[in-house]
Amino acid sequence: MDPRRRGPFHNATAIVADEQAVAEHLNNHHRDTLAEVFDHQRGGNVEWRKVRSLLEAVGTVEEEHDGKLKVTVGPETEVLHKPHGKDVDRQLLVDLRRMLSEAGYAPDGAGATDDQRDRDYGDSRWGKPN
């Protein structure tokens, strides 16, 4: 490839090819959403409706009586809150990256993303979950 023609998405084909190997059962919309979730340059501009559709494709999603979603992807189950706007916030993206990474949906074999929240366990312990 001519180095003068390399744009910001010069390796997008390689990333999509890796994701297709991992997630062959996903349609093109779900693969695009997966790429958006793992794209750190987007800064949180991922629509909630796309994320919910992706989660329904890769795991089980149950809506609780209070509007929260109980999501199970791979070995993890989390309760997610619907965002106020149409886009998800950064912390939800971090949680999604961790869940999807642990379920094997991370591009290029990327590891799990660190949780950025402090946790209060109720017995004076603070820190990362075990």
Protein backbone atom coordinates (compact mmCIF):
# COMPACT_ATOMS: atom_id res chain seq x y z
CA MET A 1 0.00 0.00 0.00
CA ASP A 2 1.25 3.47 -0.87
CA PRO A 3 2.23 5.19 2.44
CA ARG A 4 0.91 8.51 1.14
CA ARG A 5 -2.58 7.03 0.87
CA ARG A 6 -2.73 5.72 4.42
CA GLY A 7 -5.54 7.42 6.27
CA PRO A 8 -6.80 7.10 9.83
CA PHE A 9 -8.51 3.81 8.95
CA HIS A 10 -5.60 2.17 7.10
CA ASN A 11 -5.77 -0.94 9.30
CA ALA A 12 -9.59 -1.12 9.52
CA THR A 13 -9.70 -4.08 7.14
CA ALA A 14 -7.35 -6.09 9.36
CA ILE A 15 -9.38 -5.28 12.48
CA VAL A 16 -12.65 -6.26 10.78
CA ALA A 17 -11.06 -9.50 9.52
CA ASP A 18 -9.94 -10.42 13.06
CA GLU A 19 -13.37 -9.65 14.47
CA GLN A 20 -15.03 -11.74 11.78
CA ALA A 21 -12.90 -14.71 12.77
CA VAL A 22 -14.04 -14.34 16.39
CA ALA A 23 -17.65 -13.36 15.73
CA GLU A 24 -18.75 -15.06 12.53
CA HIS A 25 -22.36 -15.29 13.70
CA LEU A 26 -22.70 -11.49 14.00
CA ASN A 27 -24.17 -9.46 11.17
CA ASN A 28 -22.38 -6.42 9.74
CA HIS A 29 -24.21 -3.99 12.05
CA HIS A 30 -23.16 -5.93 15.14
CA ARG A 31 -19.55 -6.15 13.90
CA ASP A 32 -19.52 -2.38 13.31
CA THR A 33 -20.87 -1.76 16.82
CA LEU A 34 -18.25 -4.10 18.27
CA ALA A 35 -15.55 -2.09 16.49
CA GLU A 36 -17.05 1.16 17.83
CA VAL A 37 -17.05 -0.16 21.40
CA PHE A 38 -13.36 -1.08 21.21
CA ASP A 39 -12.35 2.10 19.33
CA HIS A 40 -10.78 4.32 21.98
CA GLN A 41 -10.74 7.31 19.61
CA ARG A 42 -14.54 7.66 19.56
CA GLY A 43 -14.73 8.99 23.10
CA GLY A 44 -18.11 7.47 23.97
CA ASN A 45 -20.13 8.29 20.86
CA VAL A 46 -21.73 4.86 20.62
CA GLU A 47 -25.52 4.70 20.47
CA TRP A 48 -27.35 2.77 23.18
CA ARG A 49 -29.72 1.08 20.72
CA LYS A 50 -26.74 -0.38 18.83
CA VAL A 51 -25.12 -1.59 22.04
CA ARG A 52 -28.33 -3.26 23.20
CA SER A 53 -28.73 -5.00 19.85
CA LEU A 54 -25.13 -6.24 20.04
CA LEU A 55 -25.63 -7.54 23.58
CA GLU A 56 -28.78 -9.39 22.52
CA ALA A 57 -26.77 -11.01 19.70
CA VAL A 58 -23.81 -12.15 21.85
CA GLY A 59 -25.53 -12.94 25.14
CA THR A 60 -28.78 -12.97 27.02
CA VAL A 61 -30.58 -9.76 27.93
CA GLU A 62 -33.46 -9.63 30.40
CA GLU A 63 -35.32 -6.40 31.11
CA GLU A 64 -36.13 -6.01 34.79
CA HIS A 65 -39.26 -4.36 36.17
CA ASP A 66 -37.42 -1.07 36.85
CA GLY A 67 -36.13 -0.74 33.26
CA LYS A 68 -32.62 -1.98 34.00
CA LEU A 69 -31.10 -4.70 31.83
CA LYS A 70 -29.62 -7.87 33.26
CA VAL A 71 -26.98 -8.86 30.70
CA THR A 72 -25.03 -12.12 30.60
CA VAL A 73 -22.14 -12.33 28.14
CA GLY A 74 -19.80 -15.25 28.54
CA PRO A 75 -18.89 -15.77 32.20
CA GLU A 76 -20.14 -12.37 33.40
CA THR A 77 -23.54 -11.02 34.38
CA GLU A 78 -24.10 -7.30 34.93
CA VAL A 79 -27.08 -5.05 35.48
CA LEU A 80 -26.91 -2.07 33.14
CA HIS A 81 -28.78 1.20 33.39
CA LYS A 82 -30.21 2.78 30.26
CA PRO A 83 -28.36 6.06 29.61
CA HIS A 84 -30.25 9.36 29.70
CA GLY A 85 -29.21 10.34 26.19
CA LYS A 86 -28.83 8.27 23.07
CA ASP A 87 -25.10 7.58 23.60
CA VAL A 88 -23.48 5.41 26.26
CA ASP A 89 -21.09 7.01 28.75
CA ARG A 90 -17.40 6.20 29.11
CA GLN A 91 -17.76 3.99 32.17
CA LEU A 92 -20.36 1.85 30.42
CA LEU A 93 -17.93 1.50 27.50
CA VAL A 94 -15.23 0.33 29.93
CA ASP A 95 -17.65 -2.23 31.39
CA LEU A 96 -18.69 -3.40 27.92
CA ARG A 97 -15.07 -3.76 26.78
CA ARG A 98 -14.30 -5.87 29.85
CA MET A 99 -17.37 -8.08 29.40
CA LEU A 100 -16.81 -8.57 25.68
CA SER A 101 -13.06 -9.17 26.13
CA GLU A 102 -13.66 -11.88 28.70
CA ALA A 103 -16.19 -13.50 26.37
CA GLY A 104 -13.64 -13.55 23.52
CA TYR A 105 -14.97 -10.68 21.40
CA ALA A 106 -11.95 -8.36 21.76
CA PRO A 107 -10.17 -7.48 18.52
CA ASP A 108 -6.53 -8.58 18.21
CA GLY A 109 -6.72 -10.56 21.44
CA ALA A 110 -6.73 -7.40 23.55
CA GLY A 111 -7.00 -8.03 27.28
CA ALA A 112 -9.71 -6.87 29.61
CA THR A 113 -10.04 -3.15 30.30
CA ASP A 114 -9.42 -1.98 33.88
CA ASP A 115 -12.44 -0.85 35.83
CA GLN A 116 -12.21 2.87 36.64
CA ARG A 117 -14.71 2.92 39.51
CA ASP A 118 -13.96 2.71 43.18
CA ARG A 119 -15.97 0.00 44.89
CA ASP A 120 -17.34 0.12 48.40
CA TYR A 121 -17.85 -3.41 49.62
CA GLY A 122 -19.68 -2.29 52.77
CA ASP A 123 -17.04 -3.60 55.17
CA SER A 124 -14.46 -0.81 54.80
CA ARG A 125 -12.76 -2.46 51.82
CA TRP A 126 -12.25 -0.31 48.73
CA GLY A 127 -10.68 -1.23 45.44
CA LYS A 128 -10.98 -3.37 42.39
CA PRO A 129 -13.37 -6.32 42.34
CA ASN A 130 -11.87 -9.75 42.88
